[in-house]
């Protein structure tokens, strides 16, 4: 039996950036541009999107990108 949150995961989740630059190894800010989140629809798709958005924001930093509408 799968966990309830795993029940809606079918084809995976993708986070993509339309444009951006990254300056690893320097103190300059990273700018990722506009980010799009897509995932399979299901019973818990909204929760899955929320979890992915949260961890993406923590990892990338909210000031470094914007969510696509």
C-alpha atoms as a PDB file:
ATOM      1  CA  UNK A   1       0.000   0.000   0.000  1.00  0.00           C
ATOM      2  CA  UNK A   2       1.271   3.452  -0.887  1.00  0.00           C
ATOM      3  CA  UNK A   3       1.195   6.485   1.368  1.00  0.00           C
ATOM      4  CA  UNK A   4      -1.688   8.897   0.576  1.00  0.00           C
ATOM      5  CA  UNK A   5       0.650  11.602  -0.740  1.00  0.00           C
ATOM      6  CA  UNK A   6       2.321   9.095  -3.058  1.00  0.00           C
ATOM      7  CA  UNK A   7      -1.012   8.004  -4.540  1.00  0.00           C
ATOM      8  CA  UNK A   8      -1.246  11.074  -6.788  1.00  0.00           C
ATOM      9  CA  UNK A   9       2.336  10.896  -8.092  1.00  0.00           C
ATOM     10  CA  UNK A  10       2.088   9.476 -11.594  1.00  0.00           C
ATOM     11  CA  UNK A  11       4.496  11.040 -14.016  1.00  0.00           C
ATOM     12  CA  UNK A  12       6.542  13.067 -11.560  1.00  0.00           C
ATOM     13  CA  UNK A  13       7.016  16.748 -10.934  1.00  0.00           C
ATOM     14  CA  UNK A  14       8.994  19.264 -12.968  1.00  0.00           C
ATOM     15  CA  UNK A  15      10.285  22.676 -11.998  1.00  0.00           C
ATOM     16  CA  UNK A  16      11.616  24.696 -14.925  1.00  0.00           C
ATOM     17  CA  UNK A  17      13.064  28.152 -15.361  1.00  0.00           C
ATOM     18  CA  UNK A  18      12.383  30.230 -18.475  1.00  0.00           C
ATOM     19  CA  UNK A  19      15.592  32.225 -18.199  1.00  0.00           C
ATOM     20  CA  UNK A  20      18.285  32.887 -15.734  1.00  0.00           C
ATOM     21  CA  UNK A  21      21.893  33.134 -14.755  1.00  0.00           C
ATOM     22  CA  UNK A  22      23.871  31.503 -12.022  1.00  0.00           C
ATOM     23  CA  UNK A  23      27.154  32.705 -10.625  1.00  0.00           C
ATOM     24  CA  UNK A  24      28.405  29.836  -8.528  1.00  0.00           C
ATOM     25  CA  UNK A  25      31.552  30.510  -6.554  1.00  0.00           C
ATOM     26  CA  UNK A  26      30.959  34.273  -6.312  1.00  0.00           C
ATOM     27  CA  UNK A  27      29.023  36.468  -3.924  1.00  0.00           C
ATOM     28  CA  UNK A  28      26.850  37.892  -6.719  1.00  0.00           C
ATOM     29  CA  UNK A  29      23.135  37.075  -6.379  1.00  0.00           C
ATOM     30  CA  UNK A  30      21.665  34.268  -8.437  1.00  0.00           C
ATOM     31  CA  UNK A  31      18.737  35.162 -10.671  1.00  0.00           C
ATOM     32  CA  UNK A  32      16.648  32.302 -12.005  1.00  0.00           C
ATOM     33  CA  UNK A  33      13.886  34.291 -13.681  1.00  0.00           C
ATOM     34  CA  UNK A  34      10.360  32.930 -13.893  1.00  0.00           C
ATOM     35  CA  UNK A  35       9.819  29.402 -12.585  1.00  0.00           C
ATOM     36  CA  UNK A  36       7.018  27.041 -13.634  1.00  0.00           C
ATOM     37  CA  UNK A  37       5.832  24.060 -11.595  1.00  0.00           C
ATOM     38  CA  UNK A  38       3.931  21.204 -13.229  1.00  0.00           C
ATOM     39  CA  UNK A  39       2.818  17.886 -11.768  1.00  0.00           C
ATOM     40  CA  UNK A  40       0.300  15.150 -12.443  1.00  0.00           C
ATOM     41  CA  UNK A  41      -3.264  15.792 -11.277  1.00  0.00           C
ATOM     42  CA  UNK A  42      -4.663  13.576  -8.556  1.00  0.00           C
ATOM     43  CA  UNK A  43      -6.234  13.496  -5.125  1.00  0.00           C
ATOM     44  CA  UNK A  44      -3.232  15.087  -3.414  1.00  0.00           C
ATOM     45  CA  UNK A  45      -1.801  17.148  -6.306  1.00  0.00           C
ATOM     46  CA  UNK A  46      -2.319  20.439  -4.486  1.00  0.00           C
ATOM     47  CA  UNK A  47      -0.426  19.192  -1.441  1.00  0.00           C
ATOM     48  CA  UNK A  48       2.379  17.851  -3.634  1.00  0.00           C
ATOM     49  CA  UNK A  49       2.714  21.226  -5.380  1.00  0.00           C
ATOM     50  CA  UNK A  50       2.804  23.008  -2.033  1.00  0.00           C
ATOM     51  CA  UNK A  51       5.569  20.763  -0.719  1.00  0.00           C
ATOM     52  CA  UNK A  52       7.672  21.172  -3.870  1.00  0.00           C
ATOM     53  CA  UNK A  53       7.160  24.955  -3.891  1.00  0.00           C
ATOM     54  CA  UNK A  54       8.182  25.231  -0.250  1.00  0.00           C
ATOM     55  CA  UNK A  55      11.421  23.291  -0.679  1.00  0.00           C
ATOM     56  CA  UNK A  56      12.260  25.083  -3.936  1.00  0.00           C
ATOM     57  CA  UNK A  57      11.814  28.452  -2.212  1.00  0.00           C
ATOM     58  CA  UNK A  58      13.976  27.357   0.732  1.00  0.00           C
ATOM     59  CA  UNK A  59      16.728  26.068  -1.571  1.00  0.00           C
ATOM     60  CA  UNK A  60      16.732  28.823  -4.180  1.00  0.00           C
ATOM     61  CA  UNK A  61      15.690  31.747  -1.995  1.00  0.00           C
ATOM     62  CA  UNK A  62      12.462  33.635  -2.641  1.00  0.00           C
ATOM     63  CA  UNK A  63      14.320  36.765  -3.767  1.00  0.00           C
ATOM     64  CA  UNK A  64      16.039  34.929  -6.634  1.00  0.00           C
ATOM     65  CA  UNK A  65      13.021  33.978  -8.779  1.00  0.00           C
ATOM     66  CA  UNK A  66       9.320  34.534  -9.418  1.00  0.00           C
ATOM     67  CA  UNK A  67       6.590  31.914  -9.858  1.00  0.00           C
ATOM     68  CA  UNK A  68       4.892  31.872 -13.261  1.00  0.00           C
ATOM     69  CA  UNK A  69       1.152  32.545 -13.176  1.00  0.00           C
END
